Amino acid sequence: MTKPKRAREETLAIALGTAAMVLMLFLLYNQLSALKTGYADIARERALLNRTRMSYQELTALKSQASEMRRYLTGLQNAIPETPGEDVLINDISNYAASTGSNLLQVQFGARVSRDKYVEMPVNIALTANYRGMLDMLNHLQNGGRALRIEEFTMSGGDQLSPVIRADITATAFYAD
């Protein structure tokens, strides 16, 4: 072979070798980029899977509490009934008074005030009781089955000779509009 032909072949071999190396580096770069993207996708999917598992666990916990929540909802619906139910409220107050040893003197309803989605029904309650009975009565009114907001509480009497206290309670009952 002649020198120029051999030089050309060497140059061609070097050029082809260089091109092959560049092509291999390019393919390697593409493969590494695809691998990096794949790892990022896997990390994203794992995070999504963890969030989904946590949501599932929360929903499972809520499902186990469903009956308790239904009872709570029923209690709330009973606390604010659909109708005024004055007779039921008077009966409840009378039962509270009897259970605390109080003497119910009067239950009087005031003018109703319409609000958004409910109506306020003022209630004036007059009763006599000893100190402990009065505390129990207030506890029953605040924590009873019907939602009541105590607006004002005044008491008089109650000394060493006569421990009986007279109380006037102004409260507000509610019903759905």
N, C-alpha and C. Protein backbone atom coordinates (compact mmCIF):
# COMPACT_ATOMS: atom_id res chain seq x y z
N MET A 1 0.82 -1.17 0.00
CA MET A 1 0.00 0.00 0.00
C MET A 1 0.86 1.22 0.00
N THR A 2 0.30 2.15 -0.56
CA THR A 2 1.03 3.40 -0.63
C THR A 2 0.72 4.22 0.61
N LYS A 3 1.63 5.12 0.84
CA LYS A 3 1.50 5.94 2.04
C LYS A 3 0.25 6.80 2.03
N PRO A 4 -0.09 7.48 0.95
CA PRO A 4 -1.28 8.31 1.01
C PRO A 4 -2.55 7.48 1.20
N LYS A 5 -2.59 6.29 0.58
CA LYS A 5 -3.78 5.48 0.72
C LYS A 5 -3.88 4.96 2.15
N ARG A 6 -2.74 4.61 2.71
CA ARG A 6 -2.70 4.13 4.08
C ARG A 6 -3.06 5.26 5.04
N ALA A 7 -2.61 6.45 4.80
CA ALA A 7 -2.93 7.59 5.64
C ALA A 7 -4.44 7.87 5.57
N ARG A 8 -4.96 7.73 4.35
CA ARG A 8 -6.40 7.95 4.20
C ARG A 8 -7.18 6.89 4.98
N GLU A 9 -6.76 5.66 4.93
CA GLU A 9 -7.43 4.58 5.64
C GLU A 9 -7.32 4.80 7.15
N GLU A 10 -6.15 5.23 7.60
CA GLU A 10 -5.97 5.50 9.03
C GLU A 10 -6.85 6.67 9.46
N THR A 11 -6.89 7.70 8.61
CA THR A 11 -7.73 8.86 8.91
C THR A 11 -9.20 8.43 8.94
N LEU A 12 -9.58 7.61 7.96
CA LEU A 12 -10.95 7.12 7.90
C LEU A 12 -11.26 6.26 9.13
N ALA A 13 -10.34 5.41 9.53
CA ALA A 13 -10.52 4.54 10.69
C ALA A 13 -10.63 5.39 11.96
N ILE A 14 -9.78 6.41 12.06
CA ILE A 14 -9.83 7.30 13.22
C ILE A 14 -11.15 8.07 13.23
N ALA A 15 -11.56 8.56 12.06
CA ALA A 15 -12.82 9.31 11.97
C ALA A 15 -14.00 8.41 12.31
N LEU A 16 -14.00 7.18 11.75
CA LEU A 16 -15.09 6.25 12.06
C LEU A 16 -15.06 5.85 13.54
N GLY A 17 -13.89 5.63 14.09
CA GLY A 17 -13.76 5.30 15.51
C GLY A 17 -14.26 6.45 16.39
N THR A 18 -13.88 7.68 16.00
CA THR A 18 -14.33 8.86 16.75
C THR A 18 -15.84 8.99 16.64
N ALA A 19 -16.38 8.81 15.43
CA ALA A 19 -17.83 8.90 15.23
C ALA A 19 -18.54 7.83 16.05
N ALA A 20 -17.97 6.61 16.07
CA ALA A 20 -18.55 5.53 16.86
C ALA A 20 -18.52 5.88 18.35
N MET A 21 -17.42 6.46 18.82
CA MET A 21 -17.31 6.87 20.23
C MET A 21 -18.32 7.96 20.56
N VAL A 22 -18.45 8.95 19.65
CA VAL A 22 -19.42 10.04 19.88
C VAL A 22 -20.83 9.46 19.91
N LEU A 23 -21.13 8.55 18.98
CA LEU A 23 -22.44 7.91 18.94
C LEU A 23 -22.68 7.10 20.21
N MET A 24 -21.68 6.37 20.69
CA MET A 24 -21.81 5.61 21.92
C MET A 24 -22.03 6.53 23.12
N LEU A 25 -21.29 7.64 23.17
CA LEU A 25 -21.48 8.61 24.26
C LEU A 25 -22.87 9.22 24.21
N PHE A 26 -23.35 9.53 23.00
CA PHE A 26 -24.69 10.08 22.84
C PHE A 26 -25.74 9.08 23.30
N LEU A 27 -25.60 7.82 22.88
CA LEU A 27 -26.54 6.78 23.30
C LEU A 27 -26.47 6.55 24.81
N LEU A 28 -25.27 6.57 25.37
CA LEU A 28 -25.09 6.42 26.81
C LEU A 28 -25.76 7.58 27.56
N TYR A 29 -25.60 8.80 27.05
CA TYR A 29 -26.24 9.97 27.65
C TYR A 29 -27.76 9.82 27.62
N ASN A 30 -28.30 9.39 26.46
CA ASN A 30 -29.74 9.19 26.34
C ASN A 30 -30.23 8.12 27.32
N GLN A 31 -29.48 7.03 27.44
CA GLN A 31 -29.85 5.96 28.36
C GLN A 31 -29.82 6.45 29.80
N LEU A 32 -28.79 7.21 30.16
CA LEU A 32 -28.70 7.75 31.52
C LEU A 32 -29.83 8.74 31.80
N SER A 33 -30.17 9.56 30.81
CA SER A 33 -31.29 10.50 30.97
C SER A 33 -32.59 9.74 31.15
N ALA A 34 -32.80 8.71 30.35
CA ALA A 34 -34.01 7.89 30.47
C ALA A 34 -34.05 7.20 31.83
N LEU A 35 -32.91 6.71 32.30
CA LEU A 35 -32.84 6.06 33.60
C LEU A 35 -33.16 7.04 34.72
N LYS A 36 -32.60 8.25 34.62
CA LYS A 36 -32.86 9.29 35.62
C LYS A 36 -34.34 9.65 35.64
N THR A 37 -34.94 9.80 34.45
CA THR A 37 -36.37 10.10 34.35
C THR A 37 -37.19 8.95 34.94
N GLY A 38 -36.76 7.72 34.66
CA GLY A 38 -37.45 6.55 35.21
C GLY A 38 -37.41 6.53 36.73
N TYR A 39 -36.24 6.82 37.30
CA TYR A 39 -36.13 6.87 38.76
C TYR A 39 -37.01 7.98 39.35
N ALA A 40 -37.07 9.12 38.68
CA ALA A 40 -37.93 10.21 39.14
C ALA A 40 -39.40 9.79 39.07
N ASP A 41 -39.78 9.10 38.00
CA ASP A 41 -41.16 8.61 37.87
C ASP A 41 -41.48 7.60 38.97
N ILE A 42 -40.54 6.73 39.26
CA ILE A 42 -40.74 5.74 40.32
C ILE A 42 -40.91 6.44 41.67
N ALA A 43 -40.09 7.44 41.93
CA ALA A 43 -40.19 8.19 43.20
C ALA A 43 -41.54 8.88 43.30
N ARG A 44 -41.99 9.49 42.20
CA ARG A 44 -43.30 10.15 42.18
C ARG A 44 -44.42 9.14 42.43
N GLU A 45 -44.34 8.00 41.79
CA GLU A 45 -45.37 6.97 41.96
C GLU A 45 -45.36 6.41 43.38
N ARG A 46 -44.18 6.26 43.97
CA ARG A 46 -44.11 5.79 45.36
C ARG A 46 -44.76 6.80 46.31
N ALA A 47 -44.47 8.08 46.08
CA ALA A 47 -45.08 9.12 46.91
C ALA A 47 -46.60 9.10 46.75
N LEU A 48 -47.06 8.96 45.52
CA LEU A 48 -48.50 8.89 45.26
C LEU A 48 -49.10 7.65 45.91
N LEU A 49 -48.40 6.54 45.84
CA LEU A 49 -48.86 5.31 46.47
C LEU A 49 -48.95 5.48 47.99
N ASN A 50 -47.96 6.13 48.59
CA ASN A 50 -47.99 6.37 50.04
C ASN A 50 -49.16 7.27 50.42
N ARG A 51 -49.39 8.33 49.63
CA ARG A 51 -50.54 9.20 49.91
C ARG A 51 -51.85 8.43 49.77
N THR A 52 -51.94 7.58 48.76
CA THR A 52 -53.14 6.78 48.56
C THR A 52 -53.35 5.81 49.71
N ARG A 53 -52.27 5.19 50.18
CA ARG A 53 -52.38 4.28 51.33
C ARG A 53 -52.85 5.02 52.57
N MET A 54 -52.30 6.22 52.80
CA MET A 54 -52.71 7.01 53.96
C MET A 54 -54.18 7.40 53.84
N SER A 55 -54.61 7.80 52.66
CA SER A 55 -56.02 8.14 52.44
C SER A 55 -56.90 6.92 52.69
N TYR A 56 -56.46 5.78 52.21
CA TYR A 56 -57.22 4.54 52.42
C TYR A 56 -57.34 4.24 53.92
N GLN A 57 -56.24 4.39 54.65
CA GLN A 57 -56.27 4.14 56.10
C GLN A 57 -57.22 5.11 56.80
N GLU A 58 -57.19 6.38 56.38
CA GLU A 58 -58.09 7.37 56.97
C GLU A 58 -59.54 7.02 56.66
N LEU A 59 -59.82 6.62 55.42
CA LEU A 59 -61.18 6.24 55.05
C LEU A 59 -61.63 4.99 55.80
N THR A 60 -60.73 4.05 55.99
CA THR A 60 -61.06 2.85 56.76
C THR A 60 -61.38 3.22 58.20
N ALA A 61 -60.61 4.13 58.77
CA ALA A 61 -60.88 4.59 60.14
C ALA A 61 -62.22 5.30 60.20
N LEU A 62 -62.52 6.12 59.20
CA LEU A 62 -63.81 6.82 59.17
C LEU A 62 -64.95 5.83 59.02
N LYS A 63 -64.74 4.79 58.23
CA LYS A 63 -65.78 3.78 58.04
C LYS A 63 -66.09 3.10 59.36
N SER A 64 -65.06 2.83 60.15
CA SER A 64 -65.29 2.19 61.44
C SER A 64 -65.99 3.14 62.42
N GLN A 65 -65.89 4.44 62.18
CA GLN A 65 -66.54 5.42 63.05
C GLN A 65 -67.90 5.87 62.50
N ALA A 66 -68.34 5.28 61.41
CA ALA A 66 -69.57 5.73 60.75
C ALA A 66 -70.78 5.64 61.67
N SER A 67 -70.94 4.54 62.39
CA SER A 67 -72.11 4.41 63.25
C SER A 67 -72.07 5.44 64.38
N GLU A 68 -70.89 5.69 64.91
CA GLU A 68 -70.76 6.72 65.95
C GLU A 68 -71.10 8.10 65.39
N MET A 69 -70.65 8.37 64.17
CA MET A 69 -70.95 9.66 63.55
C MET A 69 -72.45 9.80 63.26
N ARG A 70 -73.10 8.69 62.87
CA ARG A 70 -74.55 8.73 62.64
C ARG A 70 -75.28 9.05 63.94
N ARG A 71 -74.85 8.42 65.05
CA ARG A 71 -75.47 8.72 66.35
C ARG A 71 -75.25 10.18 66.72
N TYR A 72 -74.05 10.68 66.47
CA TYR A 72 -73.74 12.08 66.78
C TYR A 72 -74.61 13.01 65.93
N LEU A 73 -74.77 12.69 64.64
CA LEU A 73 -75.61 13.49 63.75
C LEU A 73 -77.06 13.46 64.22
N THR A 74 -77.53 12.30 64.62
CA THR A 74 -78.90 12.19 65.13
C THR A 74 -79.06 13.05 66.38
N GLY A 75 -78.05 13.02 67.25
CA GLY A 75 -78.10 13.87 68.45
C GLY A 75 -78.14 15.34 68.10
N LEU A 76 -77.35 15.75 67.10
CA LEU A 76 -77.37 17.15 66.67
C LEU A 76 -78.71 17.52 66.05
N GLN A 77 -79.28 16.60 65.27
CA GLN A 77 -80.58 16.88 64.66
C GLN A 77 -81.66 16.98 65.74
N ASN A 78 -81.55 16.18 66.79
CA ASN A 78 -82.51 16.27 67.89
C ASN A 78 -82.29 17.54 68.71
N ALA A 79 -81.05 18.01 68.77
CA ALA A 79 -80.74 19.22 69.54
C ALA A 79 -81.38 20.45 68.90
N ILE A 80 -81.50 20.43 67.59
CA ILE A 80 -82.17 21.52 66.87
C ILE A 80 -83.25 20.88 66.00
N PRO A 81 -84.44 20.67 66.58
CA PRO A 81 -85.50 19.96 65.86
C PRO A 81 -86.09 20.80 64.73
N GLU A 82 -86.94 20.16 63.94
CA GLU A 82 -87.58 20.81 62.80
C GLU A 82 -88.73 21.73 63.23
N THR A 83 -89.32 21.47 64.39
CA THR A 83 -90.46 22.25 64.87
C THR A 83 -90.11 22.85 66.23
N PRO A 84 -90.86 23.87 66.66
CA PRO A 84 -90.56 24.50 67.96
C PRO A 84 -90.64 23.52 69.12
N GLY A 85 -91.64 22.67 69.13
CA GLY A 85 -91.77 21.65 70.17
C GLY A 85 -91.79 22.21 71.57
N GLU A 86 -92.63 23.25 71.79
CA GLU A 86 -92.68 23.85 73.13
C GLU A 86 -93.08 22.83 74.19
N ASP A 87 -94.06 21.97 73.87
CA ASP A 87 -94.52 20.99 74.84
C ASP A 87 -93.40 20.02 75.23
N VAL A 88 -92.61 19.60 74.26
CA VAL A 88 -91.48 18.70 74.55
C VAL A 88 -90.44 19.42 75.40
N LEU A 89 -90.17 20.69 75.07
CA LEU A 89 -89.19 21.46 75.83
C LEU A 89 -89.66 21.67 77.27
N ILE A 90 -90.94 22.00 77.44
CA ILE A 90 -91.49 22.17 78.81
C ILE A 90 -91.37 20.86 79.57
N ASN A 91 -91.69 19.75 78.91
CA ASN A 91 -91.59 18.44 79.55
C ASN A 91 -90.14 18.14 79.95
N ASP A 92 -89.19 18.44 79.06
CA ASP A 92 -87.77 18.22 79.38
C ASP A 92 -87.34 19.06 80.58
N ILE A 93 -87.71 20.34 80.57
CA ILE A 93 -87.34 21.24 81.68
C ILE A 93 -87.97 20.75 82.98
N SER A 94 -89.22 20.31 82.91
CA SER A 94 -89.91 19.79 84.10
C SER A 94 -89.21 18.53 84.62
N ASN A 95 -88.81 17.66 83.71
CA ASN A 95 -88.08 16.44 84.13
C ASN A 95 -86.72 16.79 84.73
N TYR A 96 -86.02 17.76 84.13
CA TYR A 96 -84.74 18.20 84.69
C TYR A 96 -84.95 18.72 86.11
N ALA A 97 -85.99 19.55 86.29
CA ALA A 97 -86.26 20.12 87.61
C ALA A 97 -86.57 19.02 88.62
N ALA A 98 -87.39 18.06 88.22
CA ALA A 98 -87.74 16.96 89.14
C ALA A 98 -86.51 16.14 89.51
N SER A 99 -85.64 15.89 88.53
CA SER A 99 -84.46 15.06 88.82
C SER A 99 -83.44 15.78 89.69
N THR A 100 -83.48 17.10 89.76
CA THR A 100 -82.53 17.85 90.58
C THR A 100 -83.14 18.31 91.90
N GLY A 101 -84.39 17.94 92.14
CA GLY A 101 -85.05 18.36 93.37
C GLY A 101 -85.48 19.81 93.34
N SER A 102 -85.60 20.38 92.17
CA SER A 102 -86.01 21.78 92.02
C SER A 102 -87.52 21.86 91.87
N ASN A 103 -88.06 23.03 92.15
CA ASN A 103 -89.49 23.26 91.99
C ASN A 103 -89.68 24.23 90.83
N LEU A 104 -90.21 23.73 89.73
CA LEU A 104 -90.41 24.55 88.54
C LEU A 104 -91.63 25.44 88.76
N LEU A 105 -91.44 26.75 88.68
CA LEU A 105 -92.54 27.69 88.90
C LEU A 105 -93.20 28.11 87.60
N GLN A 106 -92.39 28.40 86.58
CA GLN A 106 -92.96 28.93 85.34
C GLN A 106 -92.00 28.73 84.18
N VAL A 107 -92.57 28.44 83.01
CA VAL A 107 -91.83 28.42 81.75
C VAL A 107 -92.62 29.30 80.79
N GLN A 108 -91.97 30.30 80.26
CA GLN A 108 -92.65 31.25 79.37
C GLN A 108 -91.79 31.45 78.12
N PHE A 109 -92.45 31.45 76.97
CA PHE A 109 -91.74 31.63 75.70
C PHE A 109 -91.89 33.06 75.22
N GLY A 110 -90.81 33.60 74.65
CA GLY A 110 -90.82 34.96 74.12
C GLY A 110 -91.00 34.95 72.61
N ALA A 111 -90.88 36.14 72.03
CA ALA A 111 -91.04 36.29 70.57
C ALA A 111 -89.87 35.64 69.85
N ARG A 112 -90.18 34.89 68.82
CA ARG A 112 -89.16 34.18 68.06
C ARG A 112 -88.40 35.14 67.14
N VAL A 113 -87.13 34.80 66.91
CA VAL A 113 -86.28 35.60 66.04
C VAL A 113 -85.75 34.69 64.93
N SER A 114 -86.11 35.00 63.68
CA SER A 114 -85.64 34.18 62.55
C SER A 114 -84.21 34.55 62.20
N ARG A 115 -83.41 33.53 62.03
CA ARG A 115 -82.02 33.66 61.59
C ARG A 115 -81.87 32.86 60.30
N ASP A 116 -80.66 32.86 59.78
CA ASP A 116 -80.39 32.08 58.56
C ASP A 116 -80.43 30.59 58.89
N LYS A 117 -81.42 29.88 58.41
CA LYS A 117 -81.61 28.43 58.54
C LYS A 117 -82.10 27.96 59.91
N TYR A 118 -82.31 28.85 60.86
CA TYR A 118 -82.86 28.43 62.14
C TYR A 118 -83.62 29.59 62.77
N VAL A 119 -84.39 29.26 63.81
CA VAL A 119 -85.18 30.26 64.53
C VAL A 119 -84.78 30.19 66.00
N GLU A 120 -84.58 31.36 66.61
CA GLU A 120 -84.29 31.43 68.04
C GLU A 120 -85.60 31.60 68.78
N MET A 121 -85.78 30.83 69.84
CA MET A 121 -87.00 30.87 70.63
C MET A 121 -86.63 31.16 72.08
N PRO A 122 -86.80 32.42 72.53
CA PRO A 122 -86.47 32.76 73.92
C PRO A 122 -87.36 32.01 74.91
N VAL A 123 -86.75 31.58 76.01
CA VAL A 123 -87.46 30.84 77.05
C VAL A 123 -87.07 31.45 78.40
N ASN A 124 -88.07 31.80 79.19
CA ASN A 124 -87.84 32.29 80.55
C ASN A 124 -88.28 31.20 81.52
N ILE A 125 -87.39 30.82 82.42
CA ILE A 125 -87.66 29.74 83.36
C ILE A 125 -87.51 30.30 84.76
N ALA A 126 -88.53 30.07 85.59
CA ALA A 126 -88.47 30.47 87.00
C ALA A 126 -88.57 29.20 87.84
N LEU A 127 -87.68 29.07 88.83
CA LEU A 127 -87.72 27.88 89.67
C LEU A 127 -87.08 28.18 91.01
N THR A 128 -87.32 27.27 91.95
CA THR A 128 -86.66 27.34 93.25
C THR A 128 -85.93 26.02 93.47
N ALA A 129 -84.80 26.12 94.15
CA ALA A 129 -84.00 24.92 94.41
C ALA A 129 -82.96 25.25 95.46
N ASN A 130 -82.32 24.21 95.99
CA ASN A 130 -81.16 24.47 96.83
C ASN A 130 -79.96 24.69 95.91
N TYR A 131 -78.83 25.04 96.49
CA TYR A 131 -77.67 25.42 95.68
C TYR A 131 -77.23 24.28 94.76
N ARG A 132 -77.11 23.08 95.30
CA ARG A 132 -76.65 21.93 94.50
C ARG A 132 -77.66 21.62 93.40
N GLY A 133 -78.94 21.68 93.72
CA GLY A 133 -79.98 21.43 92.72
C GLY A 133 -79.93 22.46 91.60
N MET A 134 -79.60 23.70 91.97
CA MET A 134 -79.50 24.76 90.96
C MET A 134 -78.34 24.49 90.00
N LEU A 135 -77.20 24.08 90.55
CA LEU A 135 -76.06 23.74 89.69
C LEU A 135 -76.38 22.57 88.77
N ASP A 136 -77.05 21.55 89.32
CA ASP A 136 -77.43 20.40 88.50
C ASP A 136 -78.42 20.81 87.41
N MET A 137 -79.34 21.69 87.75
CA MET A 137 -80.33 22.16 86.77
C MET A 137 -79.63 22.90 85.63
N LEU A 138 -78.70 23.78 85.96
CA LEU A 138 -77.96 24.50 84.92
C LEU A 138 -77.17 23.53 84.04
N ASN A 139 -76.59 22.52 84.67
CA ASN A 139 -75.84 21.51 83.91
C ASN A 139 -76.77 20.77 82.94
N HIS A 140 -77.96 20.38 83.42
CA HIS A 140 -78.93 19.70 82.54
C HIS A 140 -79.35 20.60 81.38
N LEU A 141 -79.58 21.87 81.67
CA LEU A 141 -80.01 22.78 80.61
C LEU A 141 -78.92 22.94 79.55
N GLN A 142 -77.67 23.05 79.98
CA GLN A 142 -76.58 23.25 79.02
C GLN A 142 -76.20 21.99 78.27
N ASN A 143 -76.34 20.84 78.90
CA ASN A 143 -75.87 19.59 78.29
C ASN A 143 -76.98 18.61 77.97
N GLY A 144 -78.21 19.07 78.01
CA GLY A 144 -79.34 18.19 77.72
C GLY A 144 -79.46 17.89 76.24
N GLY A 145 -80.53 17.20 75.89
CA GLY A 145 -80.74 16.78 74.51
C GLY A 145 -81.08 17.91 73.56
N ARG A 146 -81.63 19.00 74.08
CA ARG A 146 -82.03 20.13 73.24
C ARG A 146 -80.99 21.23 73.37
N ALA A 147 -80.65 21.85 72.26
CA ALA A 147 -79.66 22.94 72.28
C ALA A 147 -80.29 24.16 72.94
N LEU A 148 -79.68 24.60 74.03
CA LEU A 148 -80.13 25.80 74.75
C LEU A 148 -78.91 26.68 75.03
N ARG A 149 -79.09 27.96 74.82
CA ARG A 149 -78.04 28.92 75.15
C ARG A 149 -78.56 29.74 76.33
N ILE A 150 -77.87 29.69 77.44
CA ILE A 150 -78.29 30.46 78.62
C ILE A 150 -77.80 31.88 78.44
N GLU A 151 -78.75 32.79 78.39
CA GLU A 151 -78.45 34.21 78.17
C GLU A 151 -78.22 34.94 79.49
N GLU A 152 -79.07 34.63 80.47
CA GLU A 152 -79.01 35.36 81.74
C GLU A 152 -79.45 34.44 82.86
N PHE A 153 -78.79 34.57 84.00
CA PHE A 153 -79.12 33.76 85.16
C PHE A 153 -79.08 34.67 86.38
N THR A 154 -80.20 34.83 87.04
CA THR A 154 -80.24 35.62 88.27
C THR A 154 -80.83 34.75 89.37
N MET A 155 -80.29 34.92 90.57
CA MET A 155 -80.82 34.16 91.69
C MET A 155 -80.93 35.07 92.91
N SER A 156 -81.86 34.72 93.75
CA SER A 156 -82.08 35.51 94.97
C SER A 156 -82.46 34.55 96.09
N GLY A 157 -82.34 35.06 97.31
CA GLY A 157 -82.67 34.24 98.47
C GLY A 157 -81.51 33.37 98.86
N GLY A 158 -81.80 32.38 99.62
CA GLY A 158 -80.78 31.44 100.03
C GLY A 158 -79.94 31.98 101.16
N ASP A 159 -80.35 31.74 102.38
CA ASP A 159 -79.55 32.12 103.53
C ASP A 159 -79.51 30.92 104.48
N GLN A 160 -78.97 31.14 105.67
CA GLN A 160 -78.83 30.01 106.59
C GLN A 160 -80.17 29.48 107.08
N LEU A 161 -81.15 30.36 107.20
CA LEU A 161 -82.46 29.93 107.67
C LEU A 161 -83.24 29.21 106.57
N SER A 162 -83.11 29.69 105.33
CA SER A 162 -83.83 29.08 104.21
C SER A 162 -82.86 28.93 103.04
N PRO A 163 -82.34 27.73 102.84
CA PRO A 163 -81.36 27.53 101.78
C PRO A 163 -81.98 27.49 100.37
N VAL A 164 -83.27 27.75 100.28
CA VAL A 164 -83.93 27.70 98.98
C VAL A 164 -83.58 28.96 98.19
N ILE A 165 -83.19 28.76 96.95
CA ILE A 165 -82.80 29.84 96.05
C ILE A 165 -83.86 29.95 94.96
N ARG A 166 -84.24 31.17 94.66
CA ARG A 166 -85.12 31.40 93.51
C ARG A 166 -84.22 31.82 92.35
N ALA A 167 -84.45 31.20 91.20
CA ALA A 167 -83.65 31.51 90.02
C ALA A 167 -84.55 31.86 88.86
N ASP A 168 -84.12 32.85 88.13
CA ASP A 168 -84.77 33.22 86.87
C ASP A 168 -83.72 33.02 85.78
N ILE A 169 -84.03 32.16 84.86
CA ILE A 169 -83.10 31.82 83.78
C ILE A 169 -83.70 32.27 82.46
N THR A 170 -82.95 33.07 81.74
CA THR A 170 -83.34 33.45 80.38
C THR A 170 -82.44 32.66 79.44
N ALA A 171 -83.07 31.86 78.60
CA ALA A 171 -82.31 31.01 77.68
C ALA A 171 -82.90 31.15 76.28
N THR A 172 -82.21 30.59 75.32
CA THR A 172 -82.69 30.57 73.95
C THR A 172 -82.63 29.14 73.44
N ALA A 173 -83.78 28.65 72.97
CA ALA A 173 -83.84 27.34 72.31
C ALA A 173 -83.85 27.58 70.81
N PHE A 174 -83.57 26.56 70.05
CA PHE A 174 -83.46 26.71 68.60
C PHE A 174 -84.28 25.63 67.90
N TYR A 175 -84.77 25.96 66.72
CA TYR A 175 -85.35 24.95 65.84
C TYR A 175 -85.07 25.35 64.40
N ALA A 176 -85.06 24.35 63.53
CA ALA A 176 -84.71 24.59 62.12
C ALA A 176 -85.80 25.38 61.42
N ASP A 177 -85.39 26.21 60.50
CA ASP A 177 -86.34 27.04 59.75
C ASP A 177 -86.67 26.36 58.44
